[in-house]
């Protein structure tokens, strides 16, 4: 009798738990199976965009003028956005778009968007062409405007800010944007290496005097890039 009873019990166990080689393995739900093709399509689109941006940057390597950042600083900006998962970025000083392309490339992976401001119409139009060629126009809101007037009016909030515009206004740009920077956000500025005098001293002193703000100047290029993280809401 015992032998006859074991077979149905074993069969029932196999019915409930699956075949021996699948025991303990999670099974995919129908909903998960439906999501998988969408995820694969999204990844394929990102891979295609990544390849297009790389081709664009390779083709333009060494050709950037008009006060654009070097590639090493562009890479640093990209990495800061990507590593922190930032999605709401502001750039003050587009020039012809080199830094914006690096930032927007990272935002294409985090699901974010960049507002970038340029006062010179010729540089602005060239930047638009570069954004289209790189395939990043959908991730960039490019504005032809005087940043002195526009930046204070922007609503925010922002989690990443990059400034590479008229140097004498760096402190005022910081003061205008900092209240709109979220806790955990990052404020970066270009061309701050060298002797701490004049506008550089004024700007770095303002950063140092802001409670809850941690700043370092990184040497990804000779120009110098200040990287400041807002740790608390104090000083906003």
Protein backbone atom coordinates (compact mmCIF):
# COMPACT_ATOMS: atom_id res chain seq x y z
CA UNK A 1 0.00 0.00 0.00
CA UNK A 2 2.81 2.40 0.81
CA UNK A 3 4.33 1.93 -2.62
CA UNK A 4 1.00 2.61 -4.29
CA UNK A 5 0.49 5.84 -2.29
CA UNK A 6 3.92 7.34 -3.03
CA UNK A 7 3.39 7.71 -6.78
CA UNK A 8 0.34 10.02 -6.59
CA UNK A 9 2.03 12.15 -3.91
CA UNK A 10 5.17 12.57 -6.03
CA UNK A 11 3.06 13.41 -9.05
CA UNK A 12 1.15 15.97 -7.04
CA UNK A 13 4.42 17.52 -5.83
CA UNK A 14 5.69 17.82 -9.37
CA UNK A 15 2.41 19.40 -10.45
CA UNK A 16 2.63 22.04 -7.71
CA UNK A 17 6.32 22.87 -7.92
CA UNK A 18 7.23 22.17 -11.52
CA UNK A 19 9.68 19.74 -13.05
CA UNK A 20 12.83 19.03 -10.99
CA UNK A 21 15.06 21.24 -13.14
CA UNK A 22 12.81 24.28 -12.55
CA UNK A 23 12.30 23.91 -8.81
CA UNK A 24 13.36 27.10 -6.99
CA UNK A 25 13.52 29.17 -10.16
CA UNK A 26 11.24 32.23 -10.41
CA UNK A 27 8.72 31.97 -13.18
CA UNK A 28 7.92 34.94 -15.40
CA UNK A 29 4.43 36.35 -15.17
CA UNK A 30 2.51 37.05 -18.38
CA UNK A 31 2.79 40.76 -17.58
CA UNK A 32 6.58 40.52 -17.28
CA UNK A 33 6.74 38.72 -20.61
CA UNK A 34 4.77 41.55 -22.20
CA UNK A 35 7.13 44.16 -20.73
CA UNK A 36 10.25 42.42 -21.98
CA UNK A 37 9.83 43.28 -25.70
CA UNK A 38 9.18 46.93 -24.78
CA UNK A 39 12.34 47.00 -22.66
CA UNK A 40 14.34 45.41 -25.45
CA UNK A 41 13.03 47.99 -27.93
CA UNK A 42 13.90 50.84 -25.57
CA UNK A 43 17.41 49.48 -25.10
CA UNK A 44 17.84 49.09 -28.84
CA UNK A 45 16.84 52.73 -29.34
CA UNK A 46 19.30 53.86 -26.67
CA UNK A 47 22.07 51.77 -28.21
CA UNK A 48 21.35 53.34 -31.59
CA UNK A 49 21.40 56.85 -30.11
CA UNK A 50 24.64 56.14 -28.23
CA UNK A 51 26.28 55.05 -31.46
CA UNK A 52 25.03 58.15 -33.27
CA UNK A 53 26.33 60.51 -30.55
CA UNK A 54 29.71 58.77 -30.50
CA UNK A 55 30.01 59.12 -34.29
CA UNK A 56 29.14 62.81 -34.04
CA UNK A 57 31.66 63.48 -31.27
CA UNK A 58 34.37 61.52 -33.04
CA UNK A 59 33.74 63.40 -36.28
CA UNK A 60 34.00 66.77 -34.48
CA UNK A 61 36.90 65.95 -32.21
CA UNK A 62 39.37 68.82 -32.12
CA UNK A 63 37.08 71.12 -34.09
CA UNK A 64 35.23 72.86 -31.26
CA UNK A 65 35.86 76.58 -30.98
CA UNK A 66 33.79 79.55 -29.74
CA UNK A 67 34.46 78.97 -26.03
CA UNK A 68 33.30 75.36 -25.96
CA UNK A 69 34.54 73.02 -23.24
CA UNK A 70 37.22 70.41 -24.03
CA UNK A 71 36.09 66.81 -24.41
CA UNK A 72 37.53 65.85 -21.01
CA UNK A 73 35.25 68.35 -19.26
CA UNK A 74 32.30 67.30 -21.40
CA UNK A 75 32.89 63.71 -20.31
CA UNK A 76 33.01 64.83 -16.68
CA UNK A 77 29.67 66.63 -17.00
CA UNK A 78 28.14 63.57 -18.65
CA UNK A 79 29.37 61.32 -15.85
CA UNK A 80 28.10 63.62 -13.10
CA UNK A 81 24.60 63.57 -14.58
CA UNK A 82 24.59 59.83 -15.20
CA UNK A 83 26.11 58.75 -11.89
CA UNK A 84 23.62 60.80 -9.88
CA UNK A 85 20.59 60.13 -12.05
CA UNK A 86 19.87 63.81 -12.64
CA UNK A 87 16.93 64.66 -14.90
CA UNK A 88 16.33 68.45 -14.69
CA UNK A 89 19.37 70.27 -16.00
CA UNK A 90 20.17 73.87 -16.80
CA UNK A 91 23.10 75.19 -18.81
CA UNK A 92 23.98 78.88 -18.91
CA UNK A 93 26.09 79.53 -22.00
CA UNK A 94 25.43 77.11 -24.87
CA UNK A 95 28.05 78.38 -27.31
CA UNK A 96 27.74 75.97 -30.27
CA UNK A 97 26.64 73.05 -28.14
CA UNK A 98 29.57 70.83 -27.18
CA UNK A 99 28.86 70.73 -23.44
CA UNK A 100 25.09 70.54 -24.02
CA UNK A 101 25.59 67.44 -26.17
CA UNK A 102 27.51 65.69 -23.39
CA UNK A 103 24.91 66.65 -20.78
CA UNK A 104 21.92 65.77 -22.97
CA UNK A 105 23.51 62.43 -23.90
CA UNK A 106 23.52 61.52 -20.20
CA UNK A 107 19.96 62.83 -19.81
CA UNK A 108 18.82 60.56 -22.64
CA UNK A 109 19.74 57.67 -20.33
CA UNK A 110 18.21 59.10 -17.13
CA UNK A 111 14.96 60.24 -18.76
CA UNK A 112 15.71 63.93 -18.32
CA UNK A 113 15.90 67.15 -20.30
CA UNK A 114 18.21 70.15 -20.54
CA UNK A 115 17.40 73.85 -20.77
CA UNK A 116 20.34 75.68 -22.32
CA UNK A 117 20.61 79.44 -22.83
CA UNK A 118 22.68 81.31 -25.44
CA UNK A 119 22.67 85.04 -26.20
CA UNK A 120 24.47 85.00 -29.58
CA UNK A 121 22.15 84.08 -32.46
CA UNK A 122 24.92 82.71 -34.69
CA UNK A 123 26.19 80.34 -32.02
CA UNK A 124 22.61 79.43 -31.09
CA UNK A 125 21.73 78.46 -34.70
CA UNK A 126 24.89 76.38 -35.03
CA UNK A 127 24.13 74.66 -31.75
CA UNK A 128 20.68 73.70 -33.01
CA UNK A 129 22.24 72.11 -36.09
CA UNK A 130 24.68 70.20 -33.92
CA UNK A 131 21.90 68.95 -31.65
CA UNK A 132 19.98 67.63 -34.65
CA UNK A 133 23.04 65.99 -36.15
CA UNK A 134 23.88 64.30 -32.84
CA UNK A 135 20.28 63.07 -32.51
CA UNK A 136 19.69 64.83 -29.19
CA UNK A 137 17.19 67.58 -30.05
CA UNK A 138 14.39 65.83 -28.15
CA UNK A 139 16.38 66.16 -24.92
CA UNK A 140 17.29 69.84 -25.25
CA UNK A 141 15.22 72.99 -24.80
CA UNK A 142 17.53 75.56 -26.41
CA UNK A 143 16.68 79.19 -25.78
CA UNK A 144 18.01 82.29 -27.52
CA UNK A 145 17.98 84.83 -24.71
CA UNK A 146 19.96 87.07 -22.39
CA UNK A 147 20.73 84.86 -19.39
CA UNK A 148 20.88 87.95 -17.14
CA UNK A 149 17.15 88.36 -17.74
CA UNK A 150 15.98 84.79 -18.35
CA UNK A 151 17.72 82.80 -15.63
CA UNK A 152 16.11 84.65 -12.67
CA UNK A 153 12.69 84.02 -14.28
CA UNK A 154 13.12 80.25 -14.72
CA UNK A 155 10.89 78.30 -12.37
CA UNK A 156 13.02 75.23 -11.75
CA UNK A 157 13.49 73.09 -9.82
CA UNK A 158 16.82 71.86 -11.17
CA UNK A 159 19.07 69.06 -10.03
CA UNK A 160 22.06 69.88 -12.25
CA UNK A 161 23.39 73.28 -13.36
CA UNK A 162 26.40 74.09 -15.53
CA UNK A 163 27.63 77.65 -16.03
CA UNK A 164 30.05 78.63 -18.79
CA UNK A 165 29.08 82.18 -19.65
CA UNK A 166 30.21 85.73 -18.80
CA UNK A 167 32.57 85.25 -15.87
CA UNK A 168 31.72 88.43 -14.00
CA UNK A 169 28.18 87.14 -13.57
CA UNK A 170 29.03 83.71 -12.14
CA UNK A 171 28.19 84.76 -8.57
CA UNK A 172 24.89 86.31 -9.64
CA UNK A 173 23.96 83.24 -11.69
CA UNK A 174 24.66 81.10 -8.64
CA UNK A 175 22.55 83.35 -6.40
CA UNK A 176 19.68 83.25 -8.91
CA UNK A 177 19.69 79.49 -9.37
CA UNK A 178 20.70 78.11 -5.99
CA UNK A 179 17.24 78.47 -4.36
CA UNK A 180 15.86 76.40 -7.27
CA UNK A 181 18.48 73.64 -6.90
CA UNK A 182 17.10 70.57 -5.12
CA UNK A 183 18.87 69.04 -2.14
CA UNK A 184 21.32 66.53 -3.60
CA UNK A 185 21.64 68.62 -6.73
CA UNK A 186 24.90 69.76 -8.30
CA UNK A 187 26.05 73.23 -9.42
CA UNK A 188 29.06 73.24 -11.74
CA UNK A 189 31.03 76.09 -13.32
CA UNK A 190 33.82 76.20 -15.92
CA UNK A 191 37.12 78.11 -16.04
CA UNK A 192 37.74 78.41 -12.30
CA UNK A 193 41.35 77.15 -12.23
CA UNK A 194 44.31 79.42 -11.64
CA UNK A 195 44.91 82.16 -9.11
CA UNK A 196 42.07 82.91 -6.73
CA UNK A 197 41.67 86.56 -7.62
CA UNK A 198 39.06 88.80 -9.23
CA UNK A 199 35.83 87.14 -10.30
CA UNK A 200 37.18 83.65 -9.51
CA UNK A 201 37.76 84.65 -5.89
CA UNK A 202 34.36 86.34 -5.65
CA UNK A 203 32.61 83.26 -7.04
CA UNK A 204 34.48 80.63 -5.02
CA UNK A 205 34.09 82.71 -1.86
CA UNK A 206 30.34 82.79 -2.46
CA UNK A 207 30.29 79.00 -2.80
CA UNK A 208 32.37 78.54 0.35
CA UNK A 209 30.12 80.88 2.33
CA UNK A 210 26.94 78.97 1.44
CA UNK A 211 25.80 76.68 4.29
CA UNK A 212 25.24 73.06 3.32
CA UNK A 213 27.20 73.33 0.07
CA UNK A 214 30.23 71.11 -0.56
CA UNK A 215 32.59 72.29 -3.32
CA UNK A 216 35.70 70.96 -5.00
CA UNK A 217 37.57 72.15 -8.07
CA UNK A 218 38.43 69.24 -10.32
CA UNK A 219 41.19 69.26 -12.87
CA UNK A 220 39.64 67.31 -15.72
CA UNK A 221 41.25 70.00 -17.90
CA UNK A 222 43.48 73.05 -17.40
CA UNK A 223 40.36 75.23 -17.31
CA UNK A 224 39.16 73.82 -13.99
CA UNK A 225 35.61 72.80 -13.10
CA UNK A 226 33.97 73.61 -9.78
CA UNK A 227 31.59 70.88 -8.61
CA UNK A 228 29.28 71.84 -5.73
CA UNK A 229 26.71 69.54 -4.11
CA UNK A 230 23.76 70.94 -2.17
CA UNK A 231 23.62 68.78 0.97
CA UNK A 232 20.93 70.70 2.87
CA UNK A 233 18.33 73.39 2.20
CA UNK A 234 20.20 75.86 4.41
CA UNK A 235 21.31 78.95 2.53
CA UNK A 236 18.62 78.62 -0.14
